[in-house]
Amino acid sequence: MSIRLKLLRKKLGVTLEALAEKSGMTKSYLSKVERGLNTPSIAAALKLAKALNVKVEELFSEDKVSLDGYSLVRSHERQSLAANDQSPGYAVLAHQVSERSLLPFIIYPPAEFTDKAFKEHTGEEFLFVHEGQVEVDFMNERVLLDRGDALHFNAQKPHRIRSVGEVQAQLLVVVHSNEE
């Protein structure tokens, strides 16, 4: 039985460090699981699924999940994927992410560009400012977005986002990813 941890972790944009902290497991153990050198116990699989906010069967399923149905995540069921509870992070807004190419998230960007590194990944990204104001830094250009503004761009363009103003920004972010 192969575990699809790496696929899910990468698709959700979660680092090995963040998953280790969120799940209470070591990076080296998680790395071995991802490389197929270790198979997690049921308890460990449940912790990993909870940390990634996916159903545990998604970690193991080989067969295609039916996409005829729909995915509903109620606001009270949303689970934050922040590395710790102090820093705002993000939450996945769909189930069965391994089978879909559109990945919706709600993001609570920090007030400062905590990451010196710019993110870039294959596919496209769509941002909608639900609350507050955000600044998107594209290295050579910064774009200020107000509540209700939307931005769509090629995700290979290096980018990073921060919340500006008094109100903590909330963004709907949809990433299109067809990589396996």
N, C-alpha and C. Protein backbone atom coordinates (compact mmCIF):
# COMPACT_ATOMS: atom_id res chain seq x y z
N MET A 1 0.86 -1.18 0.00
CA MET A 1 0.00 0.00 0.00
C MET A 1 0.90 1.24 0.00
N SER A 2 0.68 2.09 -0.96
CA SER A 2 1.53 3.29 -0.97
C SER A 2 0.76 4.46 -0.37
N ILE A 3 1.49 5.29 0.30
CA ILE A 3 0.86 6.46 0.93
C ILE A 3 1.09 7.67 0.04
N ARG A 4 0.09 8.50 -0.08
CA ARG A 4 0.14 9.64 -0.99
C ARG A 4 0.43 10.93 -0.23
N LEU A 5 1.17 10.83 0.84
CA LEU A 5 1.42 11.98 1.70
C LEU A 5 2.13 13.11 0.98
N LYS A 6 3.18 12.78 0.22
CA LYS A 6 3.95 13.83 -0.45
C LYS A 6 3.09 14.58 -1.47
N LEU A 7 2.31 13.82 -2.24
CA LEU A 7 1.41 14.43 -3.23
C LEU A 7 0.45 15.42 -2.55
N LEU A 8 -0.18 14.97 -1.48
CA LEU A 8 -1.14 15.84 -0.78
C LEU A 8 -0.45 17.03 -0.15
N ARG A 9 0.68 16.79 0.50
CA ARG A 9 1.40 17.86 1.18
C ARG A 9 1.83 18.93 0.18
N LYS A 10 2.39 18.51 -0.95
CA LYS A 10 2.84 19.48 -1.97
C LYS A 10 1.66 20.20 -2.59
N LYS A 11 0.59 19.47 -2.88
CA LYS A 11 -0.58 20.08 -3.50
C LYS A 11 -1.18 21.15 -2.60
N LEU A 12 -1.11 20.91 -1.29
CA LEU A 12 -1.66 21.88 -0.32
C LEU A 12 -0.66 22.96 0.04
N GLY A 13 0.57 22.86 -0.45
CA GLY A 13 1.58 23.87 -0.18
C GLY A 13 2.08 23.85 1.26
N VAL A 14 2.06 22.70 1.89
CA VAL A 14 2.50 22.57 3.28
C VAL A 14 3.95 22.07 3.30
N THR A 15 4.81 22.73 4.05
CA THR A 15 6.20 22.29 4.14
C THR A 15 6.29 21.09 5.07
N LEU A 16 7.37 20.35 4.94
CA LEU A 16 7.62 19.21 5.82
C LEU A 16 7.69 19.68 7.27
N GLU A 17 8.32 20.86 7.49
CA GLU A 17 8.44 21.43 8.83
C GLU A 17 7.07 21.72 9.43
N ALA A 18 6.21 22.38 8.64
CA ALA A 18 4.88 22.74 9.13
C ALA A 18 4.06 21.48 9.44
N LEU A 19 4.18 20.47 8.59
CA LEU A 19 3.44 19.22 8.83
C LEU A 19 3.96 18.52 10.08
N ALA A 20 5.27 18.55 10.27
CA ALA A 20 5.86 17.93 11.46
C ALA A 20 5.33 18.62 12.72
N GLU A 21 5.32 19.95 12.70
CA GLU A 21 4.85 20.70 13.87
C GLU A 21 3.37 20.46 14.13
N LYS A 22 2.58 20.49 13.06
CA LYS A 22 1.13 20.34 13.18
C LYS A 22 0.73 18.93 13.61
N SER A 23 1.48 17.92 13.15
CA SER A 23 1.12 16.53 13.44
C SER A 23 1.82 15.99 14.69
N GLY A 24 2.85 16.70 15.16
CA GLY A 24 3.60 16.23 16.31
C GLY A 24 4.57 15.11 15.97
N MET A 25 4.91 14.96 14.69
CA MET A 25 5.85 13.92 14.26
C MET A 25 7.15 14.58 13.80
N THR A 26 8.22 13.80 13.72
CA THR A 26 9.49 14.38 13.30
C THR A 26 9.57 14.49 11.78
N LYS A 27 10.37 15.45 11.33
CA LYS A 27 10.59 15.61 9.89
C LYS A 27 11.19 14.35 9.29
N SER A 28 12.14 13.73 10.00
CA SER A 28 12.81 12.55 9.44
C SER A 28 11.82 11.39 9.27
N TYR A 29 10.91 11.23 10.25
CA TYR A 29 9.90 10.18 10.14
C TYR A 29 8.99 10.45 8.94
N LEU A 30 8.52 11.70 8.82
CA LEU A 30 7.62 12.06 7.72
C LEU A 30 8.30 11.88 6.37
N SER A 31 9.57 12.22 6.31
CA SER A 31 10.34 12.06 5.08
C SER A 31 10.42 10.57 4.69
N LYS A 32 10.62 9.71 5.68
CA LYS A 32 10.67 8.26 5.42
C LYS A 32 9.32 7.75 4.94
N VAL A 33 8.25 8.27 5.53
CA VAL A 33 6.90 7.87 5.10
C VAL A 33 6.68 8.29 3.65
N GLU A 34 7.10 9.52 3.32
CA GLU A 34 6.92 10.02 1.95
C GLU A 34 7.72 9.21 0.93
N ARG A 35 8.87 8.69 1.35
CA ARG A 35 9.71 7.91 0.43
C ARG A 35 9.35 6.43 0.45
N GLY A 36 8.33 6.05 1.22
CA GLY A 36 7.90 4.66 1.25
C GLY A 36 8.77 3.76 2.11
N LEU A 37 9.62 4.35 2.95
CA LEU A 37 10.50 3.57 3.81
C LEU A 37 9.81 3.21 5.12
N ASN A 38 8.74 3.93 5.44
CA ASN A 38 7.95 3.67 6.65
C ASN A 38 6.48 3.73 6.29
N THR A 39 5.68 2.90 6.93
CA THR A 39 4.23 2.98 6.76
C THR A 39 3.66 3.44 8.09
N PRO A 40 2.88 4.50 8.09
CA PRO A 40 2.37 5.00 9.37
C PRO A 40 1.35 4.06 9.99
N SER A 41 1.32 4.06 11.31
CA SER A 41 0.28 3.31 12.03
C SER A 41 -1.05 3.99 11.76
N ILE A 42 -2.11 3.35 12.16
CA ILE A 42 -3.44 3.95 11.99
C ILE A 42 -3.51 5.28 12.76
N ALA A 43 -2.97 5.27 13.98
CA ALA A 43 -2.99 6.50 14.80
C ALA A 43 -2.21 7.62 14.10
N ALA A 44 -1.04 7.27 13.54
CA ALA A 44 -0.23 8.28 12.85
C ALA A 44 -0.95 8.77 11.59
N ALA A 45 -1.57 7.86 10.86
CA ALA A 45 -2.31 8.25 9.64
C ALA A 45 -3.45 9.20 9.99
N LEU A 46 -4.13 8.92 11.11
CA LEU A 46 -5.22 9.80 11.53
C LEU A 46 -4.70 11.19 11.89
N LYS A 47 -3.54 11.24 12.56
CA LYS A 47 -2.93 12.54 12.90
C LYS A 47 -2.55 13.31 11.63
N LEU A 48 -1.97 12.60 10.67
CA LEU A 48 -1.56 13.25 9.41
C LEU A 48 -2.78 13.78 8.66
N ALA A 49 -3.83 12.98 8.58
CA ALA A 49 -5.05 13.41 7.88
C ALA A 49 -5.64 14.64 8.56
N LYS A 50 -5.65 14.65 9.91
CA LYS A 50 -6.18 15.79 10.64
C LYS A 50 -5.30 17.02 10.40
N ALA A 51 -3.99 16.84 10.41
CA ALA A 51 -3.07 17.96 10.19
C ALA A 51 -3.22 18.56 8.81
N LEU A 52 -3.54 17.73 7.81
CA LEU A 52 -3.72 18.22 6.44
C LEU A 52 -5.17 18.55 6.11
N ASN A 53 -6.07 18.26 7.07
CA ASN A 53 -7.50 18.49 6.87
C ASN A 53 -8.04 17.71 5.67
N VAL A 54 -7.63 16.46 5.57
CA VAL A 54 -8.15 15.57 4.52
C VAL A 54 -8.71 14.33 5.20
N LYS A 55 -9.51 13.57 4.48
CA LYS A 55 -10.01 12.31 5.03
C LYS A 55 -8.86 11.31 5.00
N VAL A 56 -8.80 10.45 5.99
CA VAL A 56 -7.67 9.53 6.12
C VAL A 56 -7.54 8.63 4.89
N GLU A 57 -8.66 8.28 4.27
CA GLU A 57 -8.58 7.41 3.08
C GLU A 57 -7.87 8.10 1.92
N GLU A 58 -7.84 9.43 1.92
CA GLU A 58 -7.12 10.15 0.86
C GLU A 58 -5.62 9.89 0.92
N LEU A 59 -5.12 9.57 2.10
CA LEU A 59 -3.69 9.28 2.23
C LEU A 59 -3.33 7.96 1.55
N PHE A 60 -4.30 7.06 1.45
CA PHE A 60 -4.01 5.73 0.95
C PHE A 60 -4.69 5.39 -0.37
N SER A 61 -5.76 6.08 -0.73
CA SER A 61 -6.57 5.64 -1.86
C SER A 61 -5.76 5.62 -3.14
N GLU A 62 -5.86 4.51 -3.83
CA GLU A 62 -5.22 4.35 -5.13
C GLU A 62 -6.24 4.60 -6.23
N ASP A 63 -7.46 4.19 -5.95
CA ASP A 63 -8.51 4.32 -6.97
C ASP A 63 -9.02 5.75 -6.99
N LYS A 64 -9.50 6.13 -8.15
CA LYS A 64 -9.99 7.49 -8.34
C LYS A 64 -11.27 7.69 -7.53
N VAL A 65 -11.34 8.81 -6.86
CA VAL A 65 -12.53 9.17 -6.11
C VAL A 65 -13.54 9.73 -7.10
N SER A 66 -14.79 9.41 -6.90
CA SER A 66 -15.81 9.90 -7.81
C SER A 66 -15.91 11.42 -7.69
N LEU A 67 -15.84 12.08 -8.83
CA LEU A 67 -15.95 13.55 -8.82
C LEU A 67 -17.38 13.98 -9.16
N ASP A 68 -18.29 13.00 -9.23
CA ASP A 68 -19.69 13.34 -9.52
C ASP A 68 -20.30 14.10 -8.36
N GLY A 69 -19.87 13.76 -7.17
CA GLY A 69 -20.40 14.41 -5.98
C GLY A 69 -19.80 15.79 -5.82
N TYR A 70 -19.99 16.37 -4.67
CA TYR A 70 -19.44 17.68 -4.42
C TYR A 70 -18.74 17.69 -3.08
N SER A 71 -17.96 18.73 -2.86
CA SER A 71 -17.22 18.89 -1.62
C SER A 71 -17.78 20.10 -0.90
N LEU A 72 -18.21 19.89 0.33
CA LEU A 72 -18.76 20.98 1.13
C LEU A 72 -17.97 21.07 2.42
N VAL A 73 -17.41 22.25 2.69
CA VAL A 73 -16.71 22.47 3.95
C VAL A 73 -17.40 23.65 4.63
N ARG A 74 -18.14 23.38 5.68
CA ARG A 74 -18.83 24.43 6.42
C ARG A 74 -17.80 25.28 7.17
N SER A 75 -18.13 26.56 7.40
CA SER A 75 -17.16 27.46 8.02
C SER A 75 -16.70 26.95 9.38
N HIS A 76 -17.58 26.33 10.15
CA HIS A 76 -17.19 25.83 11.48
C HIS A 76 -16.35 24.56 11.40
N GLU A 77 -16.28 23.93 10.21
CA GLU A 77 -15.48 22.72 10.03
C GLU A 77 -14.10 23.03 9.48
N ARG A 78 -13.88 24.28 9.06
CA ARG A 78 -12.59 24.65 8.49
C ARG A 78 -11.49 24.46 9.50
N GLN A 79 -10.39 23.92 9.03
CA GLN A 79 -9.28 23.69 9.94
C GLN A 79 -8.07 24.45 9.43
N SER A 80 -7.48 25.23 10.30
CA SER A 80 -6.32 26.02 9.93
C SER A 80 -5.11 25.13 9.69
N LEU A 81 -4.31 25.49 8.69
CA LEU A 81 -3.08 24.77 8.41
C LEU A 81 -1.86 25.59 8.83
N ALA A 82 -2.07 26.55 9.72
CA ALA A 82 -0.94 27.35 10.21
C ALA A 82 0.01 26.44 10.98
N ALA A 83 1.28 26.79 10.96
CA ALA A 83 2.28 26.00 11.69
C ALA A 83 2.02 26.08 13.19
N ASN A 84 1.54 27.23 13.66
CA ASN A 84 1.19 27.35 15.08
C ASN A 84 -0.05 28.23 15.20
N ASP A 85 -0.64 28.21 16.38
CA ASP A 85 -1.90 28.93 16.55
C ASP A 85 -1.73 30.45 16.64
N GLN A 86 -0.50 30.92 16.89
CA GLN A 86 -0.29 32.36 17.02
C GLN A 86 -0.32 33.05 15.66
N SER A 87 0.29 32.42 14.65
CA SER A 87 0.37 33.09 13.36
C SER A 87 -0.81 32.70 12.49
N PRO A 88 -1.45 33.69 11.88
CA PRO A 88 -2.55 33.36 10.99
C PRO A 88 -1.99 32.54 9.84
N GLY A 89 -2.77 31.66 9.33
CA GLY A 89 -2.28 30.81 8.24
C GLY A 89 -3.31 30.70 7.16
N TYR A 90 -3.69 29.47 6.85
CA TYR A 90 -4.70 29.27 5.84
C TYR A 90 -5.44 27.98 6.11
N ALA A 91 -6.58 27.84 5.45
CA ALA A 91 -7.40 26.65 5.59
C ALA A 91 -7.84 26.20 4.20
N VAL A 92 -7.90 24.91 4.02
CA VAL A 92 -8.35 24.34 2.75
C VAL A 92 -9.87 24.36 2.72
N LEU A 93 -10.44 24.71 1.59
CA LEU A 93 -11.89 24.82 1.48
C LEU A 93 -12.51 23.70 0.65
N ALA A 94 -11.81 22.57 0.49
CA ALA A 94 -12.36 21.46 -0.28
C ALA A 94 -11.83 20.14 0.26
N HIS A 95 -12.61 19.10 0.05
CA HIS A 95 -12.18 17.75 0.37
C HIS A 95 -11.70 17.09 -0.93
N GLN A 96 -11.06 15.96 -0.82
CA GLN A 96 -10.59 15.18 -1.98
C GLN A 96 -9.68 16.01 -2.87
N VAL A 97 -8.76 16.75 -2.25
CA VAL A 97 -7.88 17.64 -3.02
C VAL A 97 -6.97 16.89 -3.97
N SER A 98 -6.65 15.65 -3.66
CA SER A 98 -5.72 14.91 -4.53
C SER A 98 -6.34 14.62 -5.89
N GLU A 99 -7.65 14.65 -5.97
CA GLU A 99 -8.33 14.32 -7.22
C GLU A 99 -8.78 15.54 -8.00
N ARG A 100 -8.50 16.71 -7.51
CA ARG A 100 -9.01 17.92 -8.16
C ARG A 100 -7.86 18.80 -8.62
N SER A 101 -8.13 19.60 -9.63
CA SER A 101 -7.07 20.49 -10.11
C SER A 101 -7.27 21.93 -9.62
N LEU A 102 -8.45 22.24 -9.08
CA LEU A 102 -8.67 23.57 -8.48
C LEU A 102 -8.59 23.40 -6.97
N LEU A 103 -7.71 24.18 -6.34
CA LEU A 103 -7.52 24.08 -4.89
C LEU A 103 -7.92 25.40 -4.23
N PRO A 104 -9.08 25.45 -3.56
CA PRO A 104 -9.50 26.68 -2.89
C PRO A 104 -9.02 26.73 -1.45
N PHE A 105 -8.51 27.89 -1.05
CA PHE A 105 -8.03 28.12 0.31
C PHE A 105 -8.61 29.43 0.81
N ILE A 106 -8.69 29.58 2.13
CA ILE A 106 -8.88 30.91 2.70
C ILE A 106 -7.55 31.21 3.38
N ILE A 107 -7.00 32.38 3.11
CA ILE A 107 -5.68 32.74 3.62
C ILE A 107 -5.78 33.99 4.49
N TYR A 108 -5.05 33.94 5.60
CA TYR A 108 -4.95 35.08 6.51
C TYR A 108 -3.48 35.51 6.49
N PRO A 109 -3.10 36.36 5.53
CA PRO A 109 -1.68 36.69 5.40
C PRO A 109 -1.15 37.50 6.58
N PRO A 110 0.14 37.34 6.91
CA PRO A 110 0.73 38.11 8.00
C PRO A 110 0.87 39.58 7.61
N ALA A 111 1.09 40.43 8.61
CA ALA A 111 1.21 41.88 8.37
C ALA A 111 2.55 42.22 7.73
N GLU A 112 3.53 41.39 7.91
CA GLU A 112 4.84 41.62 7.29
C GLU A 112 5.17 40.47 6.38
N PHE A 113 6.01 40.72 5.39
CA PHE A 113 6.49 39.65 4.53
C PHE A 113 7.45 38.81 5.39
N THR A 114 6.91 37.84 6.10
CA THR A 114 7.73 37.04 7.00
C THR A 114 8.71 36.20 6.20
N ASP A 115 8.28 35.82 5.02
CA ASP A 115 9.11 34.99 4.16
C ASP A 115 9.93 35.89 3.24
N LYS A 116 11.23 35.75 3.28
CA LYS A 116 12.06 36.50 2.33
C LYS A 116 11.86 35.90 0.94
N ALA A 117 11.57 34.60 0.92
CA ALA A 117 11.43 33.89 -0.36
C ALA A 117 10.09 34.21 -1.01
N PHE A 118 10.12 34.34 -2.31
CA PHE A 118 8.90 34.51 -3.09
C PHE A 118 8.41 33.12 -3.46
N LYS A 119 7.10 32.96 -3.48
CA LYS A 119 6.53 31.67 -3.87
C LYS A 119 6.36 31.65 -5.38
N GLU A 120 6.58 30.51 -5.97
CA GLU A 120 6.24 30.32 -7.37
C GLU A 120 5.95 28.85 -7.56
N HIS A 121 4.93 28.56 -8.37
CA HIS A 121 4.54 27.18 -8.60
C HIS A 121 3.84 27.11 -9.94
N THR A 122 3.68 25.90 -10.44
CA THR A 122 3.01 25.76 -11.74
C THR A 122 1.54 26.10 -11.59
N GLY A 123 0.91 26.41 -12.69
CA GLY A 123 -0.53 26.68 -12.69
C GLY A 123 -0.86 28.15 -12.61
N GLU A 124 -2.09 28.41 -12.19
CA GLU A 124 -2.60 29.77 -12.09
C GLU A 124 -3.09 30.01 -10.68
N GLU A 125 -3.17 31.29 -10.32
CA GLU A 125 -3.66 31.64 -8.99
C GLU A 125 -4.70 32.75 -9.12
N PHE A 126 -5.77 32.64 -8.35
CA PHE A 126 -6.83 33.63 -8.33
C PHE A 126 -7.02 34.07 -6.88
N LEU A 127 -6.97 35.38 -6.64
CA LEU A 127 -7.16 35.93 -5.29
C LEU A 127 -8.40 36.81 -5.27
N PHE A 128 -9.17 36.69 -4.20
CA PHE A 128 -10.31 37.59 -3.98
C PHE A 128 -10.23 38.06 -2.54
N VAL A 129 -10.19 39.38 -2.36
CA VAL A 129 -10.07 39.93 -1.01
C VAL A 129 -11.46 39.96 -0.37
N HIS A 130 -11.64 39.11 0.63
CA HIS A 130 -12.92 39.00 1.32
C HIS A 130 -13.01 40.05 2.44
N GLU A 131 -11.88 40.31 3.09
CA GLU A 131 -11.85 41.23 4.22
C GLU A 131 -10.50 41.92 4.25
N GLY A 132 -10.50 43.21 4.60
CA GLY A 132 -9.23 43.93 4.77
C GLY A 132 -8.58 44.37 3.46
N GLN A 133 -7.28 44.52 3.50
CA GLN A 133 -6.49 45.01 2.38
C GLN A 133 -5.21 44.19 2.31
N VAL A 134 -4.77 43.87 1.10
CA VAL A 134 -3.53 43.11 0.96
C VAL A 134 -2.61 43.76 -0.06
N GLU A 135 -1.33 43.47 0.12
CA GLU A 135 -0.33 43.90 -0.85
C GLU A 135 0.29 42.63 -1.44
N VAL A 136 0.28 42.57 -2.76
CA VAL A 136 0.91 41.45 -3.46
C VAL A 136 2.21 41.97 -4.05
N ASP A 137 3.30 41.34 -3.69
CA ASP A 137 4.62 41.74 -4.15
C ASP A 137 5.07 40.79 -5.25
N PHE A 138 5.24 41.32 -6.45
CA PHE A 138 5.71 40.54 -7.60
C PHE A 138 7.19 40.82 -7.90
N MET A 139 7.97 41.14 -6.89
CA MET A 139 9.40 41.47 -7.01
C MET A 139 9.62 42.85 -7.59
N ASN A 140 9.21 43.05 -8.86
CA ASN A 140 9.44 44.34 -9.52
C ASN A 140 8.21 45.24 -9.48
N GLU A 141 7.14 44.75 -8.87
CA GLU A 141 5.91 45.55 -8.80
C GLU A 141 5.08 45.10 -7.61
N ARG A 142 4.48 46.05 -6.91
CA ARG A 142 3.59 45.72 -5.80
C ARG A 142 2.18 46.21 -6.13
N VAL A 143 1.21 45.36 -5.86
CA VAL A 143 -0.19 45.67 -6.17
C VAL A 143 -0.97 45.70 -4.86
N LEU A 144 -1.70 46.79 -4.63
CA LEU A 144 -2.53 46.93 -3.44
C LEU A 144 -3.96 46.53 -3.79
N LEU A 145 -4.53 45.62 -3.02
CA LEU A 145 -5.89 45.15 -3.28
C LEU A 145 -6.77 45.48 -2.08
N ASP A 146 -7.95 46.04 -2.36
CA ASP A 146 -8.93 46.35 -1.32
C ASP A 146 -10.00 45.27 -1.27
N ARG A 147 -10.80 45.33 -0.23
CA ARG A 147 -11.91 44.39 -0.08
C ARG A 147 -12.75 44.36 -1.36
N GLY A 148 -13.03 43.17 -1.86
CA GLY A 148 -13.82 43.02 -3.08
C GLY A 148 -12.99 42.94 -4.35
N ASP A 149 -11.70 43.29 -4.28
CA ASP A 149 -10.83 43.22 -5.46
C ASP A 149 -10.45 41.78 -5.75
N ALA A 150 -10.20 41.50 -7.03
CA ALA A 150 -9.79 40.16 -7.47
C ALA A 150 -8.55 40.28 -8.34
N LEU A 151 -7.68 39.30 -8.25
CA LEU A 151 -6.44 39.28 -9.02
C LEU A 151 -6.21 37.86 -9.52
N HIS A 152 -5.88 37.73 -10.80
CA HIS A 152 -5.63 36.42 -11.42
C HIS A 152 -4.29 36.50 -12.11
N PHE A 153 -3.39 35.53 -11.87
CA PHE A 153 -2.07 35.60 -12.49
C PHE A 153 -1.46 34.22 -12.66
N ASN A 154 -0.43 34.17 -13.49
CA ASN A 154 0.35 32.95 -13.69
C ASN A 154 1.16 32.73 -12.42
N ALA A 155 0.96 31.59 -11.77
CA ALA A 155 1.59 31.34 -10.47
C ALA A 155 3.09 31.11 -10.56
N GLN A 156 3.63 31.02 -11.78
CA GLN A 156 5.08 30.90 -11.94
C GLN A 156 5.76 32.25 -11.76
N LYS A 157 4.95 33.31 -11.77
CA LYS A 157 5.46 34.65 -11.50
C LYS A 157 5.74 34.70 -9.99
N PRO A 158 7.00 34.96 -9.57
CA PRO A 158 7.31 34.97 -8.13
C PRO A 158 6.43 35.98 -7.40
N HIS A 159 5.86 35.57 -6.26
CA HIS A 159 4.92 36.42 -5.54
C HIS A 159 4.95 36.12 -4.04
N ARG A 160 4.54 37.12 -3.27
CA ARG A 160 4.30 36.96 -1.84
C ARG A 160 3.23 37.97 -1.44
N ILE A 161 2.57 37.70 -0.33
CA ILE A 161 1.38 38.48 0.05
C ILE A 161 1.47 38.87 1.53
N ARG A 162 1.00 40.09 1.83
CA ARG A 162 0.89 40.48 3.23
C ARG A 162 -0.39 41.28 3.45
N SER A 163 -0.84 41.29 4.69
CA SER A 163 -2.02 42.03 5.10
C SER A 163 -1.57 43.46 5.43
N VAL A 164 -2.30 44.46 4.96
CA VAL A 164 -1.98 45.85 5.31
C VAL A 164 -3.21 46.50 5.94
N GLY A 165 -2.98 47.50 6.77
CA GLY A 165 -4.11 48.17 7.42
C GLY A 165 -4.43 47.57 8.77
N GLU A 166 -5.50 48.08 9.36
CA GLU A 166 -5.89 47.69 10.72
C GLU A 166 -6.51 46.30 10.79
N VAL A 167 -7.27 45.96 9.76
CA VAL A 167 -8.04 44.71 9.77
C VAL A 167 -7.20 43.56 9.21
N GLN A 168 -7.23 42.41 9.88
CA GLN A 168 -6.56 41.21 9.37
C GLN A 168 -7.22 40.82 8.05
N ALA A 169 -6.44 40.77 6.99
CA ALA A 169 -7.00 40.42 5.67
C ALA A 169 -7.40 38.95 5.61
N GLN A 170 -8.45 38.70 4.87
CA GLN A 170 -8.89 37.34 4.56
C GLN A 170 -9.01 37.26 3.05
N LEU A 171 -8.36 36.28 2.48
CA LEU A 171 -8.36 36.13 1.03
C LEU A 171 -8.91 34.78 0.63
N LEU A 172 -9.74 34.77 -0.39
CA LEU A 172 -10.09 33.51 -1.03
C LEU A 172 -9.01 33.33 -2.10
N VAL A 173 -8.30 32.22 -2.06
CA VAL A 173 -7.28 31.94 -3.05
C VAL A 173 -7.61 30.62 -3.71
N VAL A 174 -7.68 30.64 -5.03
CA VAL A 174 -7.91 29.40 -5.78
C VAL A 174 -6.70 29.17 -6.65
N VAL A 175 -6.07 28.03 -6.46
CA VAL A 175 -4.89 27.67 -7.23
C VAL A 175 -5.29 26.57 -8.20
N HIS A 176 -4.92 26.74 -9.45
CA HIS A 176 -5.14 25.67 -10.43
C HIS A 176 -3.85 24.90 -10.56
N SER A 177 -3.93 23.63 -10.31
CA SER A 177 -2.73 22.80 -10.35
C SER A 177 -3.08 21.47 -10.99
N ASN A 178 -2.40 21.12 -12.07
CA ASN A 178 -2.70 19.82 -12.66
C ASN A 178 -1.52 18.88 -12.53
N GLU A 179 -0.58 19.25 -11.65
CA GLU A 179 0.58 18.37 -11.47
C GLU A 179 0.24 17.26 -10.51
N GLU A 180 0.78 16.08 -10.77
CA GLU A 180 0.56 14.93 -9.89
C GLU A 180 1.76 14.77 -9.02
